[in-house]
Amino acid sequence: MNLNVVGLDIAKSIFHLYSHSTNGKPLKKKLKRTELLAYIANMPESLIGIEACGGAHYWAR
């Protein structure tokens, strides 16, 4: 199992993904709302941590 840990900073229209590459370098990806689900669906199995804010409840639903 190749489990990555990804941090997701949520907003209304722009999302920021933070992780580390296999060689330890930080990865940052800026995605629009319409791109987010397709990008996550094509990622390897990952543990995604989402910030706790008012928008988190909306996206959790």
N, C-alpha and C. Protein backbone atom coordinates (compact mmCIF):
# COMPACT_ATOMS: atom_id res chain seq x y z
N MET A 1 0.86 -1.18 0.00
CA MET A 1 0.00 0.00 0.00
C MET A 1 0.90 1.24 0.00
N ASN A 2 0.64 2.15 -0.91
CA ASN A 2 1.39 3.40 -1.02
C ASN A 2 0.49 4.52 -0.49
N LEU A 3 0.59 4.79 0.80
CA LEU A 3 -0.28 5.78 1.42
C LEU A 3 0.42 7.12 1.52
N ASN A 4 -0.13 8.13 0.89
CA ASN A 4 0.37 9.49 0.97
C ASN A 4 -0.47 10.26 1.96
N VAL A 5 0.10 11.30 2.52
CA VAL A 5 -0.65 12.21 3.38
C VAL A 5 -0.74 13.54 2.66
N VAL A 6 -1.96 14.04 2.52
CA VAL A 6 -2.22 15.27 1.77
C VAL A 6 -2.99 16.23 2.66
N GLY A 7 -2.59 17.48 2.68
CA GLY A 7 -3.34 18.52 3.37
C GLY A 7 -4.15 19.30 2.35
N LEU A 8 -5.39 19.56 2.65
CA LEU A 8 -6.27 20.28 1.73
C LEU A 8 -6.77 21.55 2.39
N ASP A 9 -6.41 22.67 1.81
CA ASP A 9 -6.87 23.98 2.25
C ASP A 9 -8.06 24.33 1.38
N ILE A 10 -9.25 24.40 1.98
CA ILE A 10 -10.46 24.59 1.19
C ILE A 10 -10.89 26.05 1.17
N ALA A 11 -11.60 26.39 0.12
CA ALA A 11 -12.15 27.73 -0.05
C ALA A 11 -13.37 27.61 -0.96
N LYS A 12 -13.94 28.73 -1.34
CA LYS A 12 -15.13 28.68 -2.18
C LYS A 12 -14.82 28.30 -3.62
N SER A 13 -13.69 28.78 -4.16
CA SER A 13 -13.42 28.48 -5.57
C SER A 13 -12.02 27.96 -5.85
N ILE A 14 -11.06 28.18 -4.96
CA ILE A 14 -9.69 27.71 -5.16
C ILE A 14 -9.29 26.84 -3.98
N PHE A 15 -8.68 25.69 -4.27
CA PHE A 15 -8.23 24.75 -3.25
C PHE A 15 -6.73 24.57 -3.38
N HIS A 16 -6.05 24.38 -2.26
CA HIS A 16 -4.61 24.17 -2.26
C HIS A 16 -4.33 22.80 -1.65
N LEU A 17 -3.62 21.94 -2.40
CA LEU A 17 -3.19 20.64 -1.91
C LEU A 17 -1.73 20.73 -1.53
N TYR A 18 -1.38 20.18 -0.39
CA TYR A 18 0.01 20.16 0.08
C TYR A 18 0.39 18.73 0.41
N SER A 19 1.55 18.30 -0.06
CA SER A 19 2.05 16.96 0.21
C SER A 19 3.56 16.96 0.03
N HIS A 20 4.16 15.79 0.06
CA HIS A 20 5.59 15.64 -0.20
C HIS A 20 5.78 14.60 -1.29
N SER A 21 6.77 14.83 -2.15
CA SER A 21 7.08 13.86 -3.19
C SER A 21 7.84 12.70 -2.57
N THR A 22 8.10 11.68 -3.36
CA THR A 22 8.81 10.50 -2.85
C THR A 22 10.23 10.82 -2.43
N ASN A 23 10.81 11.89 -2.97
CA ASN A 23 12.17 12.27 -2.57
C ASN A 23 12.17 13.32 -1.45
N GLY A 24 11.00 13.61 -0.88
CA GLY A 24 10.91 14.49 0.28
C GLY A 24 10.69 15.96 -0.03
N LYS A 25 10.60 16.32 -1.29
CA LYS A 25 10.36 17.73 -1.64
C LYS A 25 8.88 18.06 -1.48
N PRO A 26 8.57 19.25 -0.97
CA PRO A 26 7.16 19.63 -0.80
C PRO A 26 6.48 19.83 -2.15
N LEU A 27 5.23 19.39 -2.23
CA LEU A 27 4.42 19.57 -3.43
C LEU A 27 3.25 20.48 -3.08
N LYS A 28 3.00 21.47 -3.91
CA LYS A 28 1.87 22.37 -3.74
C LYS A 28 1.11 22.40 -5.05
N LYS A 29 -0.19 22.25 -4.98
CA LYS A 29 -1.03 22.25 -6.17
C LYS A 29 -2.23 23.14 -5.93
N LYS A 30 -2.47 24.07 -6.82
CA LYS A 30 -3.59 25.00 -6.74
C LYS A 30 -4.64 24.53 -7.74
N LEU A 31 -5.86 24.24 -7.26
CA LEU A 31 -6.91 23.69 -8.12
C LEU A 31 -8.19 24.50 -8.01
N LYS A 32 -8.87 24.62 -9.13
CA LYS A 32 -10.20 25.23 -9.14
C LYS A 32 -11.21 24.20 -8.65
N ARG A 33 -12.35 24.67 -8.25
CA ARG A 33 -13.41 23.78 -7.75
C ARG A 33 -13.74 22.69 -8.76
N THR A 34 -13.81 23.04 -10.03
CA THR A 34 -14.18 22.07 -11.05
C THR A 34 -13.09 21.03 -11.30
N GLU A 35 -11.86 21.29 -10.88
CA GLU A 35 -10.75 20.37 -11.11
C GLU A 35 -10.48 19.44 -9.92
N LEU A 36 -10.98 19.79 -8.76
CA LEU A 36 -10.61 19.10 -7.53
C LEU A 36 -10.98 17.61 -7.52
N LEU A 37 -12.21 17.27 -7.78
CA LEU A 37 -12.64 15.88 -7.69
C LEU A 37 -11.93 14.99 -8.70
N ALA A 38 -11.74 15.48 -9.91
CA ALA A 38 -11.04 14.69 -10.92
C ALA A 38 -9.58 14.46 -10.52
N TYR A 39 -8.95 15.47 -9.93
CA TYR A 39 -7.55 15.34 -9.50
C TYR A 39 -7.43 14.32 -8.37
N ILE A 40 -8.31 14.40 -7.38
CA ILE A 40 -8.27 13.48 -6.25
C ILE A 40 -8.59 12.05 -6.70
N ALA A 41 -9.51 11.90 -7.63
CA ALA A 41 -9.87 10.57 -8.12
C ALA A 41 -8.70 9.88 -8.80
N ASN A 42 -7.78 10.63 -9.37
CA ASN A 42 -6.63 10.07 -10.08
C ASN A 42 -5.37 9.98 -9.22
N MET A 43 -5.46 10.37 -7.95
CA MET A 43 -4.32 10.27 -7.04
C MET A 43 -4.21 8.85 -6.51
N PRO A 44 -3.00 8.44 -6.10
CA PRO A 44 -2.90 7.15 -5.41
C PRO A 44 -3.63 7.23 -4.07
N GLU A 45 -3.84 6.08 -3.46
CA GLU A 45 -4.53 6.04 -2.18
C GLU A 45 -3.84 6.99 -1.20
N SER A 46 -4.62 7.89 -0.60
CA SER A 46 -4.06 8.93 0.26
C SER A 46 -4.94 9.19 1.46
N LEU A 47 -4.31 9.67 2.51
CA LEU A 47 -5.01 10.17 3.69
C LEU A 47 -5.09 11.67 3.52
N ILE A 48 -6.31 12.22 3.47
CA ILE A 48 -6.49 13.65 3.21
C ILE A 48 -6.99 14.33 4.46
N GLY A 49 -6.22 15.31 4.92
CA GLY A 49 -6.62 16.12 6.06
C GLY A 49 -7.18 17.44 5.57
N ILE A 50 -8.38 17.78 6.03
CA ILE A 50 -9.05 19.01 5.60
C ILE A 50 -9.11 19.97 6.78
N GLU A 51 -8.84 21.23 6.50
CA GLU A 51 -8.90 22.23 7.57
C GLU A 51 -10.30 22.29 8.17
N ALA A 52 -10.39 22.63 9.42
CA ALA A 52 -11.67 22.71 10.11
C ALA A 52 -12.14 24.17 10.09
N CYS A 53 -13.09 24.46 9.24
CA CYS A 53 -13.69 25.79 9.16
C CYS A 53 -15.14 25.62 8.74
N GLY A 54 -15.85 26.71 8.60
CA GLY A 54 -17.25 26.64 8.21
C GLY A 54 -17.45 25.95 6.87
N GLY A 55 -16.54 26.15 5.95
CA GLY A 55 -16.64 25.51 4.64
C GLY A 55 -16.44 24.01 4.69
N ALA A 56 -15.74 23.52 5.71
CA ALA A 56 -15.48 22.08 5.85
C ALA A 56 -16.79 21.32 6.01
N HIS A 57 -17.75 21.87 6.71
CA HIS A 57 -19.03 21.21 6.89
C HIS A 57 -19.77 21.11 5.56
N TYR A 58 -19.68 22.15 4.74
CA TYR A 58 -20.31 22.12 3.43
C TYR A 58 -19.71 21.01 2.57
N TRP A 59 -18.38 20.93 2.49
CA TRP A 59 -17.71 19.95 1.65
C TRP A 59 -17.85 18.55 2.20
N ALA A 60 -18.00 18.38 3.50
CA ALA A 60 -18.18 17.06 4.10
C ALA A 60 -19.53 16.46 3.69
N ARG A 61 -20.51 17.32 3.50
CA ARG A 61 -21.82 16.82 3.07
C ARG A 61 -21.76 16.41 1.64
